[in-house]
Amino acid sequence: MTPFLFTFVVLGFSVGAGLLGSLLGIGGGLILIPVLTLLLKVDIHYAVGASIVSVIATSSGAAAAYVRERMANMRVAMFLELATTAGALTGAFLSGRVG
């Protein structure tokens, strides 16, 4: 498979996974990772990384819409942002120590 064709196949599966994931509320990574690893033979580490990027993009788009409609509680969001950042840094540190 050529890189050009691979890009368009992944784009098609990604759009489909995003649509289905948003309709079902399960997230596109649940669909995208098996497609990338089983059908397209992508290494699992790259598939998980692509899933994380898609989650960040999707959540950023949703957050912007909620803030625009004034449906977001900014005080709670900032508290959760600090807790999430602390958890991510702790997890990255521990994974470097354990692995």
N, C-alpha and C. Protein backbone atom coordinates (compact mmCIF):
# COMPACT_ATOMS: atom_id res chain seq x y z
N MET A 1 0.85 -1.17 0.00
CA MET A 1 0.00 0.00 0.00
C MET A 1 0.90 1.24 0.00
N THR A 2 0.61 2.17 -0.86
CA THR A 2 1.39 3.40 -0.94
C THR A 2 1.07 4.31 0.24
N PRO A 3 2.00 5.17 0.62
CA PRO A 3 1.72 6.11 1.72
C PRO A 3 0.51 7.01 1.44
N PHE A 4 0.33 7.39 0.18
CA PHE A 4 -0.80 8.24 -0.18
C PHE A 4 -2.12 7.51 0.06
N LEU A 5 -2.21 6.27 -0.39
CA LEU A 5 -3.42 5.46 -0.18
C LEU A 5 -3.63 5.17 1.29
N PHE A 6 -2.55 4.87 2.01
CA PHE A 6 -2.64 4.61 3.45
C PHE A 6 -3.22 5.81 4.18
N THR A 7 -2.78 7.00 3.81
CA THR A 7 -3.28 8.23 4.44
C THR A 7 -4.77 8.37 4.24
N PHE A 8 -5.27 8.12 3.05
CA PHE A 8 -6.70 8.27 2.79
C PHE A 8 -7.52 7.16 3.43
N VAL A 9 -6.97 5.97 3.54
CA VAL A 9 -7.67 4.88 4.23
C VAL A 9 -7.79 5.20 5.72
N VAL A 10 -6.70 5.67 6.31
CA VAL A 10 -6.73 6.03 7.73
C VAL A 10 -7.66 7.22 7.95
N LEU A 11 -7.67 8.18 7.04
CA LEU A 11 -8.57 9.32 7.15
C LEU A 11 -10.02 8.85 7.13
N GLY A 12 -10.35 7.96 6.22
CA GLY A 12 -11.72 7.44 6.15
C GLY A 12 -12.13 6.70 7.40
N PHE A 13 -11.26 5.82 7.89
CA PHE A 13 -11.57 5.10 9.13
C PHE A 13 -11.65 6.04 10.32
N SER A 14 -10.81 7.06 10.35
CA SER A 14 -10.82 8.01 11.47
C SER A 14 -12.11 8.82 11.51
N VAL A 15 -12.56 9.27 10.35
CA VAL A 15 -13.82 10.02 10.31
C VAL A 15 -14.97 9.11 10.73
N GLY A 16 -14.98 7.88 10.22
CA GLY A 16 -16.03 6.94 10.60
C GLY A 16 -15.99 6.62 12.09
N ALA A 17 -14.80 6.41 12.64
CA ALA A 17 -14.67 6.12 14.07
C ALA A 17 -15.11 7.32 14.91
N GLY A 18 -14.77 8.52 14.46
CA GLY A 18 -15.19 9.72 15.18
C GLY A 18 -16.69 9.90 15.18
N LEU A 19 -17.31 9.69 14.03
CA LEU A 19 -18.77 9.81 13.95
C LEU A 19 -19.46 8.75 14.81
N LEU A 20 -19.04 7.51 14.66
CA LEU A 20 -19.67 6.44 15.42
C LEU A 20 -19.40 6.59 16.91
N GLY A 21 -18.18 6.95 17.24
CA GLY A 21 -17.84 7.14 18.65
C GLY A 21 -18.60 8.28 19.30
N SER A 22 -18.80 9.38 18.57
CA SER A 22 -19.54 10.50 19.15
C SER A 22 -21.03 10.19 19.26
N LEU A 23 -21.56 9.42 18.33
CA LEU A 23 -22.98 9.05 18.41
C LEU A 23 -23.24 8.08 19.57
N LEU A 24 -22.31 7.16 19.79
CA LEU A 24 -22.49 6.16 20.84
C LEU A 24 -21.91 6.59 22.18
N GLY A 25 -21.11 7.65 22.18
CA GLY A 25 -20.51 8.14 23.41
C GLY A 25 -19.39 7.25 23.93
N ILE A 26 -18.69 6.55 23.04
CA ILE A 26 -17.65 5.63 23.47
C ILE A 26 -16.26 6.14 23.13
N GLY A 27 -16.15 7.14 22.33
CA GLY A 27 -14.84 7.63 21.92
C GLY A 27 -14.34 6.87 20.70
N GLY A 28 -13.68 7.58 19.83
CA GLY A 28 -13.21 6.97 18.59
C GLY A 28 -12.06 6.00 18.75
N GLY A 29 -11.30 6.13 19.85
CA GLY A 29 -10.16 5.26 20.07
C GLY A 29 -10.54 3.79 20.22
N LEU A 30 -11.71 3.54 20.75
CA LEU A 30 -12.18 2.17 20.91
C LEU A 30 -12.36 1.48 19.56
N ILE A 31 -12.65 2.26 18.56
CA ILE A 31 -12.82 1.72 17.21
C ILE A 31 -11.52 1.85 16.42
N LEU A 32 -10.83 2.96 16.59
CA LEU A 32 -9.67 3.26 15.77
C LEU A 32 -8.47 2.36 16.06
N ILE A 33 -8.20 2.06 17.32
CA ILE A 33 -7.03 1.24 17.65
C ILE A 33 -7.12 -0.15 17.05
N PRO A 34 -8.25 -0.88 17.19
CA PRO A 34 -8.30 -2.20 16.54
C PRO A 34 -8.20 -2.13 15.02
N VAL A 35 -8.77 -1.10 14.42
CA VAL A 35 -8.68 -0.96 12.96
C VAL A 35 -7.23 -0.76 12.54
N LEU A 36 -6.53 0.13 13.26
CA LEU A 36 -5.13 0.39 12.91
C LEU A 36 -4.25 -0.83 13.12
N THR A 37 -4.45 -1.53 14.23
CA THR A 37 -3.55 -2.65 14.53
C THR A 37 -3.91 -3.92 13.77
N LEU A 38 -5.19 -4.25 13.69
CA LEU A 38 -5.58 -5.52 13.08
C LEU A 38 -5.72 -5.45 11.56
N LEU A 39 -6.32 -4.37 11.06
CA LEU A 39 -6.54 -4.27 9.62
C LEU A 39 -5.36 -3.66 8.88
N LEU A 40 -4.79 -2.62 9.44
CA LEU A 40 -3.73 -1.89 8.73
C LEU A 40 -2.33 -2.23 9.21
N LYS A 41 -2.22 -3.13 10.19
CA LYS A 41 -0.92 -3.63 10.68
C LYS A 41 0.02 -2.53 11.18
N VAL A 42 -0.55 -1.56 11.90
CA VAL A 42 0.24 -0.49 12.51
C VAL A 42 0.67 -0.97 13.90
N ASP A 43 1.88 -0.62 14.31
CA ASP A 43 2.37 -0.98 15.64
C ASP A 43 1.43 -0.41 16.70
N ILE A 44 1.18 -1.19 17.76
CA ILE A 44 0.22 -0.80 18.79
C ILE A 44 0.61 0.52 19.46
N HIS A 45 1.90 0.78 19.61
CA HIS A 45 2.34 2.02 20.25
C HIS A 45 1.95 3.24 19.42
N TYR A 46 2.07 3.14 18.12
CA TYR A 46 1.65 4.25 17.26
C TYR A 46 0.13 4.40 17.25
N ALA A 47 -0.58 3.29 17.31
CA ALA A 47 -2.04 3.34 17.32
C ALA A 47 -2.56 4.00 18.59
N VAL A 48 -1.95 3.68 19.72
CA VAL A 48 -2.37 4.30 20.98
C VAL A 48 -2.05 5.79 20.96
N GLY A 49 -0.90 6.16 20.43
CA GLY A 49 -0.55 7.58 20.31
C GLY A 49 -1.53 8.34 19.43
N ALA A 50 -1.93 7.73 18.33
CA ALA A 50 -2.92 8.36 17.45
C ALA A 50 -4.26 8.51 18.15
N SER A 51 -4.62 7.53 18.95
CA SER A 51 -5.87 7.60 19.70
C SER A 51 -5.84 8.74 20.71
N ILE A 52 -4.71 8.91 21.39
CA ILE A 52 -4.60 9.98 22.37
C ILE A 52 -4.72 11.34 21.69
N VAL A 53 -4.09 11.49 20.54
CA VAL A 53 -4.19 12.75 19.80
C VAL A 53 -5.64 13.02 19.39
N SER A 54 -6.35 11.98 18.95
CA SER A 54 -7.74 12.18 18.53
C SER A 54 -8.63 12.52 19.72
N VAL A 55 -8.35 11.96 20.89
CA VAL A 55 -9.13 12.29 22.08
C VAL A 55 -8.91 13.76 22.46
N ILE A 56 -7.67 14.21 22.38
CA ILE A 56 -7.37 15.60 22.71
C ILE A 56 -8.08 16.54 21.74
N ALA A 57 -8.04 16.23 20.46
CA ALA A 57 -8.69 17.08 19.46
C ALA A 57 -10.20 17.11 19.66
N THR A 58 -10.80 15.95 19.90
CA THR A 58 -12.25 15.89 20.09
C THR A 58 -12.68 16.62 21.34
N SER A 59 -11.97 16.41 22.44
CA SER A 59 -12.36 17.08 23.69
C SER A 59 -12.13 18.59 23.62
N SER A 60 -11.11 19.02 22.90
CA SER A 60 -10.89 20.46 22.74
C SER A 60 -12.01 21.10 21.94
N GLY A 61 -12.45 20.43 20.90
CA GLY A 61 -13.57 20.96 20.11
C GLY A 61 -14.86 21.01 20.91
N ALA A 62 -15.12 19.98 21.68
CA ALA A 62 -16.33 19.97 22.51
C ALA A 62 -16.25 21.03 23.60
N ALA A 63 -15.08 21.18 24.20
CA ALA A 63 -14.92 22.18 25.26
C ALA A 63 -15.15 23.59 24.72
N ALA A 64 -14.65 23.86 23.53
CA ALA A 64 -14.85 25.19 22.94
C ALA A 64 -16.34 25.47 22.72
N ALA A 65 -17.07 24.46 22.29
CA ALA A 65 -18.51 24.64 22.08
C ALA A 65 -19.23 24.88 23.40
N TYR A 66 -18.86 24.15 24.44
CA TYR A 66 -19.51 24.34 25.75
C TYR A 66 -19.19 25.71 26.34
N VAL A 67 -17.97 26.18 26.18
CA VAL A 67 -17.60 27.50 26.70
C VAL A 67 -18.35 28.59 25.94
N ARG A 68 -18.46 28.44 24.63
CA ARG A 68 -19.17 29.43 23.82
C ARG A 68 -20.64 29.53 24.23
N GLU A 69 -21.26 28.40 24.55
CA GLU A 69 -22.67 28.39 24.96
C GLU A 69 -22.86 28.66 26.44
N ARG A 70 -21.77 28.93 27.14
CA ARG A 70 -21.78 29.20 28.57
C ARG A 70 -22.37 28.04 29.38
N MET A 71 -22.04 26.83 28.96
CA MET A 71 -22.50 25.63 29.65
C MET A 71 -21.40 25.01 30.51
N ALA A 72 -20.22 25.60 30.51
CA ALA A 72 -19.10 25.05 31.26
C ALA A 72 -18.92 25.80 32.57
N ASN A 73 -18.65 25.07 33.63
CA ASN A 73 -18.32 25.66 34.92
C ASN A 73 -16.81 25.83 34.96
N MET A 74 -16.35 27.05 34.80
CA MET A 74 -14.92 27.31 34.66
C MET A 74 -14.15 27.04 35.95
N ARG A 75 -14.77 27.25 37.11
CA ARG A 75 -14.07 26.98 38.37
C ARG A 75 -13.78 25.49 38.51
N VAL A 76 -14.75 24.66 38.21
CA VAL A 76 -14.55 23.21 38.27
C VAL A 76 -13.57 22.77 37.20
N ALA A 77 -13.67 23.36 36.01
CA ALA A 77 -12.77 22.99 34.92
C ALA A 77 -11.32 23.28 35.27
N MET A 78 -11.05 24.42 35.87
CA MET A 78 -9.68 24.77 36.23
C MET A 78 -9.15 23.85 37.33
N PHE A 79 -10.00 23.48 38.29
CA PHE A 79 -9.59 22.54 39.33
C PHE A 79 -9.26 21.18 38.73
N LEU A 80 -10.11 20.70 37.84
CA LEU A 80 -9.88 19.41 37.21
C LEU A 80 -8.65 19.45 36.30
N GLU A 81 -8.41 20.59 35.67
CA GLU A 81 -7.23 20.73 34.83
C GLU A 81 -5.95 20.59 35.65
N LEU A 82 -5.92 21.20 36.81
CA LEU A 82 -4.74 21.08 37.68
C LEU A 82 -4.56 19.64 38.15
N ALA A 83 -5.65 18.99 38.53
CA ALA A 83 -5.56 17.60 38.99
C ALA A 83 -5.13 16.67 37.85
N THR A 84 -5.64 16.91 36.66
CA THR A 84 -5.27 16.08 35.51
C THR A 84 -3.80 16.25 35.16
N THR A 85 -3.30 17.48 35.20
CA THR A 85 -1.90 17.74 34.89
C THR A 85 -0.99 17.09 35.94
N ALA A 86 -1.36 17.20 37.20
CA ALA A 86 -0.56 16.56 38.25
C ALA A 86 -0.56 15.04 38.08
N GLY A 87 -1.70 14.47 37.74
CA GLY A 87 -1.78 13.03 37.53
C GLY A 87 -0.98 12.59 36.32
N ALA A 88 -0.99 13.37 35.26
CA ALA A 88 -0.23 13.03 34.06
C ALA A 88 1.27 13.08 34.33
N LEU A 89 1.71 14.10 35.03
CA LEU A 89 3.14 14.20 35.36
C LEU A 89 3.58 13.07 36.29
N THR A 90 2.75 12.75 37.27
CA THR A 90 3.07 11.65 38.18
C THR A 90 3.12 10.32 37.43
N GLY A 91 2.15 10.09 36.56
CA GLY A 91 2.14 8.86 35.76
C GLY A 91 3.33 8.74 34.84
N ALA A 92 3.72 9.84 34.23
CA ALA A 92 4.89 9.82 33.34
C ALA A 92 6.16 9.54 34.15
N PHE A 93 6.27 10.13 35.31
CA PHE A 93 7.44 9.89 36.16
C PHE A 93 7.49 8.44 36.61
N LEU A 94 6.35 7.91 37.07
CA LEU A 94 6.33 6.52 37.54
C LEU A 94 6.56 5.51 36.43
N SER A 95 6.05 5.80 35.24
CA SER A 95 6.27 4.86 34.13
C SER A 95 7.75 4.82 33.74
N GLY A 96 8.44 5.93 33.89
CA GLY A 96 9.87 5.95 33.64
C GLY A 96 10.66 5.20 34.71
N ARG A 97 10.17 5.20 35.92
CA ARG A 97 10.84 4.49 37.02
C ARG A 97 10.56 2.99 36.98
N VAL A 98 9.33 2.61 36.68
CA VAL A 98 8.93 1.20 36.71
C VAL A 98 9.44 0.46 35.48
N GLY A 99 9.30 1.11 34.29
CA GLY A 99 9.64 0.46 33.04
C GLY A 99 11.05 0.45 32.74
